[in-house]
Amino acid sequence: MSRPAEPPRFSPFADDAAARTIGGLTIENGTEGIAIHGSLDIPRDRTGLERARGLKAALDAIVEALEGAAFPAETAQADEPPVRVKNPFA
């Protein structure tokens, strides 16, 4: 039995537009970082195997890109501290 065709290889940090969806999990590319959000169910069947392979391939590509990159040990966090707002539903 042949395996389904592989999706195009995920190229981490290549652009600010590409995204890969695996089940309900989305991996969004960015030149400065990768965003991963959603959830992924991996059942114990062929679908689960394909999802696990897709996730592994994407994460392997991210690790490979980071291992081969020259970057500072830490990057500055641009996040502002949270601001408390009044509950509009209270």
Protein backbone atom coordinates (compact mmCIF):
# COMPACT_ATOMS: atom_id res chain seq x y z
CA MET A 1 0.00 0.00 0.00
CA SER A 2 1.52 3.36 -0.98
CA ARG A 3 1.65 6.38 1.31
CA PRO A 4 -0.23 9.54 0.32
CA ALA A 5 1.79 12.27 -1.36
CA GLU A 6 3.77 14.38 1.08
CA PRO A 7 2.68 18.03 1.42
CA PRO A 8 5.25 20.63 0.34
CA ARG A 9 8.13 20.91 2.81
CA PHE A 10 7.56 23.52 5.50
CA SER A 11 10.28 26.23 5.24
CA PRO A 12 10.47 27.86 8.67
CA PHE A 13 11.20 31.59 8.88
CA ALA A 14 11.04 31.88 5.07
CA ASP A 15 8.12 34.33 4.89
CA ASP A 16 5.30 35.94 6.85
CA ALA A 17 2.47 34.27 4.95
CA ALA A 18 2.77 30.48 4.84
CA ALA A 19 0.80 28.28 7.20
CA ARG A 20 0.54 24.52 7.61
CA THR A 21 -2.59 22.94 9.08
CA ILE A 22 -2.54 19.47 10.57
CA GLY A 23 -5.93 18.41 11.88
CA GLY A 24 -6.97 21.35 14.07
CA LEU A 25 -3.41 22.57 14.64
CA THR A 26 -2.06 25.50 12.65
CA ILE A 27 1.62 26.34 12.29
CA GLU A 28 2.02 29.91 11.01
CA ASN A 29 5.31 30.91 9.46
CA GLY A 30 7.03 34.20 10.18
CA THR A 31 10.44 35.65 9.46
CA GLU A 32 10.92 36.46 13.17
CA GLY A 33 9.11 33.50 14.71
CA ILE A 34 6.69 30.62 14.30
CA ALA A 35 3.22 30.60 15.88
CA ILE A 36 1.56 27.27 16.73
CA HIS A 37 -2.04 27.24 17.86
CA GLY A 38 -5.08 25.00 17.96
CA SER A 39 -5.34 21.39 18.99
CA LEU A 40 -4.43 18.12 17.37
CA ASP A 41 -6.02 14.76 18.05
CA ILE A 42 -3.83 11.83 17.08
CA PRO A 43 -6.00 8.71 17.04
CA ARG A 44 -4.41 5.29 17.03
CA ASP A 45 -5.03 4.65 13.34
CA ARG A 46 -3.70 5.59 9.90
CA THR A 47 -5.03 9.16 10.20
CA GLY A 48 -3.20 9.56 13.50
CA LEU A 49 -0.02 8.24 11.95
CA GLU A 50 -0.21 10.73 9.07
CA ARG A 51 -0.93 13.61 11.47
CA ALA A 52 2.00 12.60 13.70
CA ARG A 53 4.30 12.40 10.67
CA GLY A 54 3.18 15.85 9.49
CA LEU A 55 3.76 17.36 12.94
CA LYS A 56 7.16 15.69 13.24
CA ALA A 57 8.22 16.92 9.79
CA ALA A 58 7.23 20.51 10.61
CA LEU A 59 8.95 20.48 14.01
CA ASP A 60 12.06 18.81 12.57
CA ALA A 61 12.25 21.58 9.94
CA ILE A 62 11.94 24.27 12.64
CA VAL A 63 14.65 22.67 14.79
CA GLU A 64 16.92 22.26 11.75
CA ALA A 65 16.48 25.94 10.81
CA LEU A 66 17.21 27.09 14.36
CA GLU A 67 20.26 24.84 14.75
CA GLY A 68 21.76 26.24 11.55
CA ALA A 69 21.06 29.88 12.35
CA ALA A 70 23.28 32.50 13.94
CA PHE A 71 21.21 34.37 16.48
CA PRO A 72 21.61 35.89 19.95
CA ALA A 73 21.08 33.61 22.94
CA GLU A 74 17.97 35.64 23.84
CA THR A 75 15.76 38.04 21.96
CA ALA A 76 14.07 41.10 23.42
CA GLN A 77 10.43 40.56 24.22
CA ALA A 78 8.24 43.22 22.65
CA ASP A 79 5.18 42.15 24.66
CA GLU A 80 3.71 44.85 26.83
CA PRO A 81 2.52 43.94 30.32
CA PRO A 82 -1.18 43.02 30.51
CA VAL A 83 -3.63 45.83 31.15
CA ARG A 84 -6.67 45.24 33.35
CA VAL A 85 -9.91 46.38 31.68
CA LYS A 86 -13.43 46.62 33.03
CA ASN A 87 -15.59 43.61 32.20
CA PRO A 88 -18.12 44.86 29.59
CA PHE A 89 -20.55 42.06 30.54
CA ALA A 90 -20.63 42.72 34.30
